[in-house]
PDB file of N, CA and C in Angstrom:
ATOM      1  N   MET A   1       0.598  -0.923   0.204  1.00  0.00           N
ATOM      2  CA  MET A   1      -0.233  -0.289  -0.120  1.00  0.00           C
ATOM      3  C   MET A   1       1.402   0.926  -0.550  1.00  0.00           C
ATOM      4  N   THR A   2       2.108   1.008   0.619  1.00  0.00           N
ATOM      5  CA  THR A   2       3.128   1.998   0.972  1.00  0.00           C
ATOM      6  C   THR A   2       3.088   2.825  -0.593  1.00  0.00           C
ATOM      7  N   LYS A   3       4.098   2.013  -1.265  1.00  0.00           N
ATOM      8  CA  LYS A   3       4.469   1.553  -2.409  1.00  0.00           C
ATOM      9  C   LYS A   3       3.817   1.923  -3.465  1.00  0.00           C
ATOM     10  N   VAL A   4       2.224   1.910  -3.920  1.00  0.00           N
ATOM     11  CA  VAL A   4       1.171   2.318  -4.604  1.00  0.00           C
ATOM     12  C   VAL A   4       1.388   4.343  -4.170  1.00  0.00           C
ATOM     13  N   THR A   5       0.457   3.965  -2.292  1.00  0.00           N
ATOM     14  CA  THR A   5       1.264   5.750  -2.419  1.00  0.00           C
ATOM     15  C   THR A   5       2.436   6.937  -3.209  1.00  0.00           C
ATOM     16  N   VAL A   6       3.634   6.684  -2.505  1.00  0.00           N
ATOM     17  CA  VAL A   6       4.727   6.692  -3.263  1.00  0.00           C
ATOM     18  C   VAL A   6       4.860   7.447  -4.873  1.00  0.00           C
ATOM     19  N   SER A   7       3.671   6.210  -5.178  1.00  0.00           N
ATOM     20  CA  SER A   7       3.954   6.196  -6.008  1.00  0.00           C
ATOM     21  C   SER A   7       3.388   7.012  -7.422  1.00  0.00           C
ATOM     22  N   LEU A   8       1.907   7.632  -6.647  1.00  0.00           N
ATOM     23  CA  LEU A   8       1.149   8.317  -6.747  1.00  0.00           C
ATOM     24  C   LEU A   8       1.290   9.335  -6.652  1.00  0.00           C
ATOM     25  N   CYS A   9       1.787   9.529  -5.117  1.00  0.00           N
ATOM     26  CA  CYS A   9       2.541  11.165  -4.998  1.00  0.00           C
ATOM     27  C   CYS A   9       2.873  12.032  -6.238  1.00  0.00           C
ATOM     28  N   ALA A  10       4.362  10.465  -6.248  1.00  0.00           N
ATOM     29  CA  ALA A  10       5.168  10.936  -7.576  1.00  0.00           C
ATOM     30  C   ALA A  10       4.594  11.074  -8.969  1.00  0.00           C
ATOM     31  N   LEU A  11       3.833  10.314  -8.936  1.00  0.00           N
ATOM     32  CA  LEU A  11       3.017  11.447 -10.359  1.00  0.00           C
ATOM     33  C   LEU A  11       2.100  12.249 -10.606  1.00  0.00           C
ATOM     34  N   LEU A  12       1.724  12.227  -8.885  1.00  0.00           N
ATOM     35  CA  LEU A  12       1.127  13.823  -9.440  1.00  0.00           C
ATOM     36  C   LEU A  12       2.306  14.593  -9.140  1.00  0.00           C
ATOM     37  N   GLY A  13       2.899  14.411  -8.499  1.00  0.00           N
ATOM     38  CA  GLY A  13       3.997  15.522  -9.178  1.00  0.00           C
ATOM     39  C   GLY A  13       4.113  16.023 -10.433  1.00  0.00           C
ATOM     40  N   LEU A  14       4.593  15.035 -11.026  1.00  0.00           N
ATOM     41  CA  LEU A  14       5.191  14.817 -12.031  1.00  0.00           C
ATOM     42  C   LEU A  14       4.171  15.896 -12.987  1.00  0.00           C
ATOM     43  N   LEU A  15       2.948  15.570 -13.314  1.00  0.00           N
ATOM     44  CA  LEU A  15       1.818  15.955 -13.976  1.00  0.00           C
ATOM     45  C   LEU A  15       1.867  17.607 -13.990  1.00  0.00           C
ATOM     46  N   LEU A  16       1.753  17.724 -12.397  1.00  0.00           N
ATOM     47  CA  LEU A  16       2.171  19.021 -11.981  1.00  0.00           C
ATOM     48  C   LEU A  16       2.720  20.578 -12.919  1.00  0.00           C
ATOM     49  N   VAL A  17       4.011  19.533 -12.329  1.00  0.00           N
ATOM     50  CA  VAL A  17       5.607  20.382 -12.778  1.00  0.00           C
ATOM     51  C   VAL A  17       5.297  19.948 -15.140  1.00  0.00           C
ATOM     52  N   LEU A  18       4.720  19.532 -15.055  1.00  0.00           N
ATOM     53  CA  LEU A  18       4.115  19.537 -16.505  1.00  0.00           C
ATOM     54  C   LEU A  18       3.120  20.322 -16.626  1.00  0.00           C
ATOM     55  N   ALA A  19       2.345  19.891 -15.918  1.00  0.00           N
ATOM     56  CA  ALA A  19       1.201  21.024 -15.839  1.00  0.00           C
ATOM     57  C   ALA A  19       1.171  22.502 -15.593  1.00  0.00           C
ATOM     58  N   SER A  20       2.485  23.352 -15.123  1.00  0.00           N
ATOM     59  CA  SER A  20       2.560  24.391 -15.050  1.00  0.00           C
ATOM     60  C   SER A  20       3.805  25.027 -15.643  1.00  0.00           C
ATOM     61  N   GLU A  21       4.564  24.633 -16.702  1.00  0.00           N
ATOM     62  CA  GLU A  21       5.754  24.263 -17.350  1.00  0.00           C
ATOM     63  C   GLU A  21       4.951  25.289 -19.373  1.00  0.00           C
ATOM     64  N   GLY A  22       3.417  24.976 -19.019  1.00  0.00           N
ATOM     65  CA  GLY A  22       2.403  25.922 -20.223  1.00  0.00           C
ATOM     66  C   GLY A  22       2.759  27.406 -19.635  1.00  0.00           C
ATOM     67  N   GLU A  23       2.545  27.223 -19.122  1.00  0.00           N
ATOM     68  CA  GLU A  23       2.158  28.969 -17.357  1.00  0.00           C
ATOM     69  C   GLU A  23       3.613  29.443 -17.682  1.00  0.00           C
ATOM     70  N   THR A  24       4.787  29.425 -17.327  1.00  0.00           N
ATOM     71  CA  THR A  24       5.810  28.868 -17.411  1.00  0.00           C
ATOM     72  C   THR A  24       6.889  29.786 -18.407  1.00  0.00           C
ATOM     73  N   ARG A  25       6.087  29.690 -20.102  1.00  0.00           N
ATOM     74  CA  ARG A  25       6.152  29.671 -20.932  1.00  0.00           C
ATOM     75  C   ARG A  25       6.547  31.240 -21.410  1.00  0.00           C
ATOM     76  N   VAL A  26       5.584  32.083 -20.315  1.00  0.00           N
ATOM     77  CA  VAL A  26       5.564  33.483 -20.934  1.00  0.00           C
ATOM     78  C   VAL A  26       6.566  33.992 -22.345  1.00  0.00           C
ATOM     79  N   GLY A  27       7.994  34.305 -21.682  1.00  0.00           N
ATOM     80  CA  GLY A  27       9.327  34.841 -21.852  1.00  0.00           C
ATOM     81  C   GLY A  27       8.893  34.207 -23.092  1.00  0.00           C
ATOM     82  N   THR A  28       8.908  32.820 -23.586  1.00  0.00           N
ATOM     83  CA  THR A  28       8.705  32.194 -24.575  1.00  0.00           C
ATOM     84  C   THR A  28       7.202  31.509 -25.708  1.00  0.00           C
ATOM     85  N   PRO A  29       7.030  32.470 -25.844  1.00  0.00           N
ATOM     86  CA  PRO A  29       5.264  32.152 -26.881  1.00  0.00           C
ATOM     87  C   PRO A  29       5.074  31.494 -27.368  1.00  0.00           C
ATOM     88  N   SER A  30       6.559  30.295 -28.557  1.00  0.00           N
ATOM     89  CA  SER A  30       5.853  29.941 -29.345  1.00  0.00           C
ATOM     90  C   SER A  30       6.253  28.661 -28.824  1.00  0.00           C
ATOM     91  N   ARG A  31       6.094  28.254 -27.457  1.00  0.00           N
ATOM     92  CA  ARG A  31       6.324  26.574 -26.939  1.00  0.00           C
ATOM     93  C   ARG A  31       4.740  26.792 -26.887  1.00  0.00           C
ATOM     94  N   GLY A  32       3.609  27.976 -26.052  1.00  0.00           N
ATOM     95  CA  GLY A  32       2.471  27.770 -25.330  1.00  0.00           C
ATOM     96  C   GLY A  32       2.673  28.800 -25.962  1.00  0.00           C
ATOM     97  N   CYS A  33       0.400  28.989 -25.267  1.00  0.00           N
ATOM     98  CA  CYS A  33      -0.263  29.836 -25.187  1.00  0.00           C
ATOM     99  C   CYS A  33      -0.617  31.282 -24.703  1.00  0.00           C
ATOM    100  N   CYS A  34      -0.159  31.739 -25.959  1.00  0.00           N
ATOM    101  CA  CYS A  34      -0.070  34.081 -25.294  1.00  0.00           C
ATOM    102  C   CYS A  34      -1.600  34.123 -24.057  1.00  0.00           C
ATOM    103  N   THR A  35       0.071  34.933 -23.133  1.00  0.00           N
ATOM    104  CA  THR A  35      -1.570  34.741 -21.549  1.00  0.00           C
ATOM    105  C   THR A  35      -1.419  36.526 -22.477  1.00  0.00           C
ATOM    106  N   ARG A  36      -0.265  37.608 -22.004  1.00  0.00           N
ATOM    107  CA  ARG A  36      -0.438  39.273 -23.163  1.00  0.00           C
ATOM    108  C   ARG A  36      -0.072  39.293 -24.071  1.00  0.00           C
ATOM    109  N   PHE A  37      -0.141  40.598 -25.201  1.00  0.00           N
ATOM    110  CA  PHE A  37       0.186  41.312 -25.936  1.00  0.00           C
ATOM    111  C   PHE A  37       0.779  42.178 -25.606  1.00  0.00           C
ATOM    112  N   ILE A  38       1.973  42.889 -26.579  1.00  0.00           N
ATOM    113  CA  ILE A  38       2.412  43.554 -26.201  1.00  0.00           C
ATOM    114  C   ILE A  38       1.812  44.578 -27.186  1.00  0.00           C
ATOM    115  N   LYS A  39       2.361  46.139 -26.912  1.00  0.00           N
ATOM    116  CA  LYS A  39       1.350  47.319 -27.885  1.00  0.00           C
ATOM    117  C   LYS A  39       2.029  47.195 -29.222  1.00  0.00           C
ATOM    118  N   ASP A  40       3.484  46.853 -29.455  1.00  0.00           N
ATOM    119  CA  ASP A  40       4.151  47.796 -30.424  1.00  0.00           C
ATOM    120  C   ASP A  40       5.074  46.824 -31.130  1.00  0.00           C
ATOM    121  N   LEU A  41       5.376  46.956 -31.836  1.00  0.00           N
ATOM    122  CA  LEU A  41       6.679  46.502 -32.777  1.00  0.00           C
ATOM    123  C   LEU A  41       6.645  47.495 -33.373  1.00  0.00           C
ATOM    124  N   PRO A  42       8.743  47.942 -33.963  1.00  0.00           N
ATOM    125  CA  PRO A  42       8.700  47.823 -35.025  1.00  0.00           C
ATOM    126  C   PRO A  42       8.997  47.111 -36.219  1.00  0.00           C
ATOM    127  N   LEU A  43       9.222  47.490 -37.100  1.00  0.00           N
ATOM    128  CA  LEU A  43       8.639  46.514 -38.297  1.00  0.00           C
ATOM    129  C   LEU A  43       9.872  46.181 -38.900  1.00  0.00           C
ATOM    130  N   ASN A  44      11.206  47.271 -38.927  1.00  0.00           N
ATOM    131  CA  ASN A  44      12.660  46.737 -38.714  1.00  0.00           C
ATOM    132  C   ASN A  44      12.701  45.898 -37.943  1.00  0.00           C
ATOM    133  N   ARG A  45      11.911  45.279 -37.060  1.00  0.00           N
ATOM    134  CA  ARG A  45      12.683  44.094 -35.554  1.00  0.00           C
ATOM    135  C   ARG A  45      11.845  43.272 -36.678  1.00  0.00           C
ATOM    136  N   ILE A  46      11.365  42.566 -36.770  1.00  0.00           N
ATOM    137  CA  ILE A  46       9.917  41.572 -36.970  1.00  0.00           C
ATOM    138  C   ILE A  46      10.860  40.335 -39.122  1.00  0.00           C
ATOM    139  N   ARG A  47      10.721  39.516 -38.373  1.00  0.00           N
ATOM    140  CA  ARG A  47      11.447  38.583 -39.427  1.00  0.00           C
ATOM    141  C   ARG A  47       9.592  37.775 -39.912  1.00  0.00           C
ATOM    142  N   GLY A  48       8.945  37.403 -39.130  1.00  0.00           N
ATOM    143  CA  GLY A  48       7.802  36.925 -39.248  1.00  0.00           C
ATOM    144  C   GLY A  48       6.867  36.878 -38.971  1.00  0.00           C
ATOM    145  N   PHE A  49       5.651  36.263 -38.843  1.00  0.00           N
ATOM    146  CA  PHE A  49       5.035  36.144 -38.658  1.00  0.00           C
ATOM    147  C   PHE A  49       4.036  34.386 -38.235  1.00  0.00           C
ATOM    148  N   ILE A  50       3.784  33.995 -37.093  1.00  0.00           N
ATOM    149  CA  ILE A  50       2.354  33.050 -36.913  1.00  0.00           C
ATOM    150  C   ILE A  50       1.320  33.011 -36.962  1.00  0.00           C
ATOM    151  N   GLU A  51       0.500  32.830 -37.381  1.00  0.00           N
ATOM    152  CA  GLU A  51      -1.253  32.929 -36.314  1.00  0.00           C
ATOM    153  C   GLU A  51      -1.321  32.004 -36.625  1.00  0.00           C
ATOM    154  N   GLU A  52      -1.929  32.379 -34.727  1.00  0.00           N
ATOM    155  CA  GLU A  52      -1.785  31.119 -34.015  1.00  0.00           C
ATOM    156  C   GLU A  52      -3.537  30.784 -34.134  1.00  0.00           C
ATOM    157  N   ARG A  53      -4.446  30.175 -34.180  1.00  0.00           N
ATOM    158  CA  ARG A  53      -5.572  29.703 -33.710  1.00  0.00           C
ATOM    159  C   ARG A  53      -5.709  29.288 -32.989  1.00  0.00           C
ATOM    160  N   GLN A  54      -7.671  29.635 -33.023  1.00  0.00           N
ATOM    161  CA  GLN A  54      -7.994  29.220 -31.317  1.00  0.00           C
ATOM    162  C   GLN A  54      -7.749  27.446 -30.615  1.00  0.00           C
ATOM    163  N   GLY A  55      -6.948  27.187 -30.222  1.00  0.00           N
ATOM    164  CA  GLY A  55      -7.536  25.597 -29.921  1.00  0.00           C
ATOM    165  C   GLY A  55      -7.320  25.566 -28.072  1.00  0.00           C
ATOM    166  N   ILE A  56      -7.059  25.325 -27.655  1.00  0.00           N
ATOM    167  CA  ILE A  56      -7.055  24.993 -26.202  1.00  0.00           C
ATOM    168  C   ILE A  56      -6.043  26.482 -26.045  1.00  0.00           C
ATOM    169  N   CYS A  57      -5.684  27.268 -26.897  1.00  0.00           N
ATOM    170  CA  CYS A  57      -5.338  28.240 -26.445  1.00  0.00           C
ATOM    171  C   CYS A  57      -6.602  29.477 -26.182  1.00  0.00           C
ATOM    172  N   ARG A  58      -6.547  30.108 -24.290  1.00  0.00           N
ATOM    173  CA  ARG A  58      -7.596  31.534 -24.332  1.00  0.00           C
ATOM    174  C   ARG A  58      -7.765  32.616 -25.675  1.00  0.00           C
ATOM    175  N   LEU A  59      -6.819  33.007 -25.954  1.00  0.00           N
ATOM    176  CA  LEU A  59      -6.447  33.870 -26.990  1.00  0.00           C
ATOM    177  C   LEU A  59      -5.944  33.918 -28.008  1.00  0.00           C
ATOM    178  N   LYS A  60      -6.724  34.277 -28.927  1.00  0.00           N
ATOM    179  CA  LYS A  60      -6.218  34.160 -30.133  1.00  0.00           C
ATOM    180  C   LYS A  60      -4.899  35.280 -30.893  1.00  0.00           C
ATOM    181  N   ALA A  61      -4.220  34.943 -31.101  1.00  0.00           N
ATOM    182  CA  ALA A  61      -2.782  36.019 -30.969  1.00  0.00           C
ATOM    183  C   ALA A  61      -2.462  35.768 -32.242  1.00  0.00           C
ATOM    184  N   VAL A  62      -1.351  36.392 -32.957  1.00  0.00           N
ATOM    185  CA  VAL A  62      -0.059  37.073 -33.672  1.00  0.00           C
ATOM    186  C   VAL A  62       0.981  36.679 -33.556  1.00  0.00           C
ATOM    187  N   LYS A  63       1.981  35.832 -33.486  1.00  0.00           N
ATOM    188  CA  LYS A  63       3.179  35.680 -32.790  1.00  0.00           C
ATOM    189  C   LYS A  63       4.414  36.518 -34.106  1.00  0.00           C
ATOM    190  N   PHE A  64       4.757  36.591 -33.540  1.00  0.00           N
ATOM    191  CA  PHE A  64       5.968  37.063 -34.054  1.00  0.00           C
ATOM    192  C   PHE A  64       7.129  37.252 -33.715  1.00  0.00           C
ATOM    193  N   ILE A  65       7.914  36.829 -34.827  1.00  0.00           N
ATOM    194  CA  ILE A  65       9.223  36.741 -34.561  1.00  0.00           C
ATOM    195  C   ILE A  65       9.928  37.284 -35.103  1.00  0.00           C
ATOM    196  N   THR A  66      10.618  37.328 -33.497  1.00  0.00           N
ATOM    197  CA  THR A  66      11.355  38.847 -34.226  1.00  0.00           C
ATOM    198  C   THR A  66      12.993  38.491 -34.764  1.00  0.00           C
ATOM    199  N   ILE A  67      14.147  39.515 -36.135  1.00  0.00           N
ATOM    200  CA  ILE A  67      15.262  39.309 -35.778  1.00  0.00           C
ATOM    201  C   ILE A  67      16.266  38.984 -35.375  1.00  0.00           C
ATOM    202  N   LYS A  68      16.026  39.141 -34.262  1.00  0.00           N
ATOM    203  CA  LYS A  68      16.502  37.954 -32.556  1.00  0.00           C
ATOM    204  C   LYS A  68      16.128  36.787 -32.482  1.00  0.00           C
ATOM    205  N   GLY A  69      15.216  36.510 -33.633  1.00  0.00           N
ATOM    206  CA  GLY A  69      14.957  35.465 -32.793  1.00  0.00           C
ATOM    207  C   GLY A  69      13.202  34.766 -32.001  1.00  0.00           C
ATOM    208  N   LYS A  70      13.749  35.638 -31.100  1.00  0.00           N
ATOM    209  CA  LYS A  70      12.744  36.174 -30.155  1.00  0.00           C
ATOM    210  C   LYS A  70      11.058  36.009 -30.570  1.00  0.00           C
ATOM    211  N   VAL A  71      10.027  35.183 -29.828  1.00  0.00           N
ATOM    212  CA  VAL A  71       8.945  35.621 -30.025  1.00  0.00           C
ATOM    213  C   VAL A  71       7.980  35.890 -29.114  1.00  0.00           C
ATOM    214  N   VAL A  72       7.352  37.115 -29.248  1.00  0.00           N
ATOM    215  CA  VAL A  72       6.507  37.764 -29.200  1.00  0.00           C
ATOM    216  C   VAL A  72       4.645  37.748 -29.674  1.00  0.00           C
ATOM    217  N   CYS A  73       3.956  37.898 -28.635  1.00  0.00           N
ATOM    218  CA  CYS A  73       2.583  37.624 -29.152  1.00  0.00           C
ATOM    219  C   CYS A  73       2.134  39.424 -28.978  1.00  0.00           C
ATOM    220  N   ALA A  74       0.681  39.220 -30.528  1.00  0.00           N
ATOM    221  CA  ALA A  74      -0.263  40.420 -30.531  1.00  0.00           C
ATOM    222  C   ALA A  74      -1.138  40.202 -30.136  1.00  0.00           C
ATOM    223  N   ASN A  75      -2.488  41.425 -30.088  1.00  0.00           N
ATOM    224  CA  ASN A  75      -3.542  41.289 -30.599  1.00  0.00           C
ATOM    225  C   ASN A  75      -3.960  40.827 -31.764  1.00  0.00           C
ATOM    226  N   PRO A  76      -4.132  40.036 -32.628  1.00  0.00           N
ATOM    227  CA  PRO A  76      -4.722  40.082 -33.968  1.00  0.00           C
ATOM    228  C   PRO A  76      -5.938  40.783 -34.274  1.00  0.00           C
ATOM    229  N   ASN A  77      -5.694  41.269 -33.927  1.00  0.00           N
ATOM    230  CA  ASN A  77      -7.971  42.801 -33.639  1.00  0.00           C
ATOM    231  C   ASN A  77      -6.738  44.277 -34.052  1.00  0.00           C
ATOM    232  N   ASP A  78      -5.462  44.060 -33.522  1.00  0.00           N
ATOM    233  CA  ASP A  78      -5.382  45.470 -32.940  1.00  0.00           C
ATOM    234  C   ASP A  78      -4.659  45.910 -33.928  1.00  0.00           C
ATOM    235  N   GLN A  79      -5.257  47.052 -34.720  1.00  0.00           N
ATOM    236  CA  GLN A  79      -4.603  48.253 -36.226  1.00  0.00           C
ATOM    237  C   GLN A  79      -3.323  47.966 -36.892  1.00  0.00           C
ATOM    238  N   TRP A  80      -2.676  48.269 -35.763  1.00  0.00           N
ATOM    239  CA  TRP A  80      -0.799  47.797 -36.253  1.00  0.00           C
ATOM    240  C   TRP A  80      -0.389  46.427 -36.586  1.00  0.00           C
ATOM    241  N   VAL A  81      -0.957  45.501 -35.389  1.00  0.00           N
ATOM    242  CA  VAL A  81      -0.441  44.035 -35.905  1.00  0.00           C
ATOM    243  C   VAL A  81      -0.585  43.762 -37.730  1.00  0.00           C
ATOM    244  N   LYS A  82      -2.577  43.548 -38.331  1.00  0.00           N
ATOM    245  CA  LYS A  82      -3.223  43.827 -39.174  1.00  0.00           C
ATOM    246  C   LYS A  82      -1.900  44.726 -40.178  1.00  0.00           C
ATOM    247  N   ASP A  83      -1.573  46.385 -40.166  1.00  0.00           N
ATOM    248  CA  ASP A  83      -0.952  47.282 -40.506  1.00  0.00           C
ATOM    249  C   ASP A  83       1.115  45.496 -41.406  1.00  0.00           C
ATOM    250  N   ALA A  84       1.761  45.035 -40.648  1.00  0.00           N
ATOM    251  CA  ALA A  84       2.638  44.939 -39.861  1.00  0.00           C
ATOM    252  C   ALA A  84       2.575  43.299 -40.710  1.00  0.00           C
ATOM    253  N   LYS A  85       1.078  42.654 -40.465  1.00  0.00           N
ATOM    254  CA  LYS A  85       1.177  41.233 -41.335  1.00  0.00           C
ATOM    255  C   LYS A  85       1.097  41.803 -42.696  1.00  0.00           C
ATOM    256  N   GLU A  86       0.122  42.824 -43.757  1.00  0.00           N
ATOM    257  CA  GLU A  86       0.112  43.011 -44.539  1.00  0.00           C
ATOM    258  C   GLU A  86       1.599  43.704 -45.644  1.00  0.00           C
ATOM    259  N   PHE A  87       2.331  43.998 -44.841  1.00  0.00           N
ATOM    260  CA  PHE A  87       3.876  45.295 -44.254  1.00  0.00           C
ATOM    261  C   PHE A  87       4.788  43.206 -44.650  1.00  0.00           C
ATOM    262  N   ILE A  88       4.965  42.307 -44.736  1.00  0.00           N
ATOM    263  CA  ILE A  88       5.434  41.508 -44.448  1.00  0.00           C
ATOM    264  C   ILE A  88       4.968  40.737 -45.903  1.00  0.00           C
ATOM    265  N   ARG A  89       4.190  39.919 -45.620  1.00  0.00           N
ATOM    266  CA  ARG A  89       3.061  39.787 -46.062  1.00  0.00           C
ATOM    267  C   ARG A  89       3.660  40.211 -47.938  1.00  0.00           C
ATOM    268  N   THR A  90       3.912  41.421 -48.326  1.00  0.00           N
ATOM    269  CA  THR A  90       4.319  41.605 -50.024  1.00  0.00           C
ATOM    270  C   THR A  90       5.366  42.578 -49.575  1.00  0.00           C
ATOM    271  N   PRO A  91       6.061  41.844 -50.952  1.00  0.00           N
ATOM    272  CA  PRO A  91       7.389  41.697 -51.191  1.00  0.00           C
ATOM    273  C   PRO A  91       8.447  43.100 -51.621  1.00  0.00           C
ATOM    274  N   THR A  92       9.225  42.233 -50.827  1.00  0.00           N
ATOM    275  CA  THR A  92       9.894  44.309 -51.497  1.00  0.00           C
ATOM    276  C   THR A  92      10.716  44.005 -52.917  1.00  0.00           C
ATOM    277  N   VAL A  93      10.525  45.310 -53.273  1.00  0.00           N
ATOM    278  CA  VAL A  93      11.418  45.904 -54.905  1.00  0.00           C
ATOM    279  C   VAL A  93      11.781  46.550 -54.779  1.00  0.00           C
ATOM    280  N   ALA A  94      12.497  46.146 -55.273  1.00  0.00           N
ATOM    281  CA  ALA A  94      13.766  47.286 -55.249  1.00  0.00           C
ATOM    282  C   ALA A  94      13.169  47.982 -55.975  1.00  0.00           C
ATOM    283  N   PRO A  95      13.950  49.611 -56.666  1.00  0.00           N
ATOM    284  CA  PRO A  95      13.741  50.744 -57.251  1.00  0.00           C
ATOM    285  C   PRO A  95      14.962  50.233 -59.289  1.00  0.00           C
TER     286      PRO A  95
END
């Protein structure tokens, strides 16, 4: 009986650690759900973006990838986000 109790406690502890892992990834939202949005990001610092669909995450978000490889979350309803996505989609034409 004691072995079963210890095993269940260990399993519960492991599950708690794994469940909290997603919550601690606020700094690296590419691997988890967005929990907050940035207000602005200069276009010259954006390398690309990912549209997050509302699946298991509460918030629908656009994840911008910066030129330094960081991922930041933005509100897809904000006008600057729509403008930034359009800017990135538009190819740059040399004069």
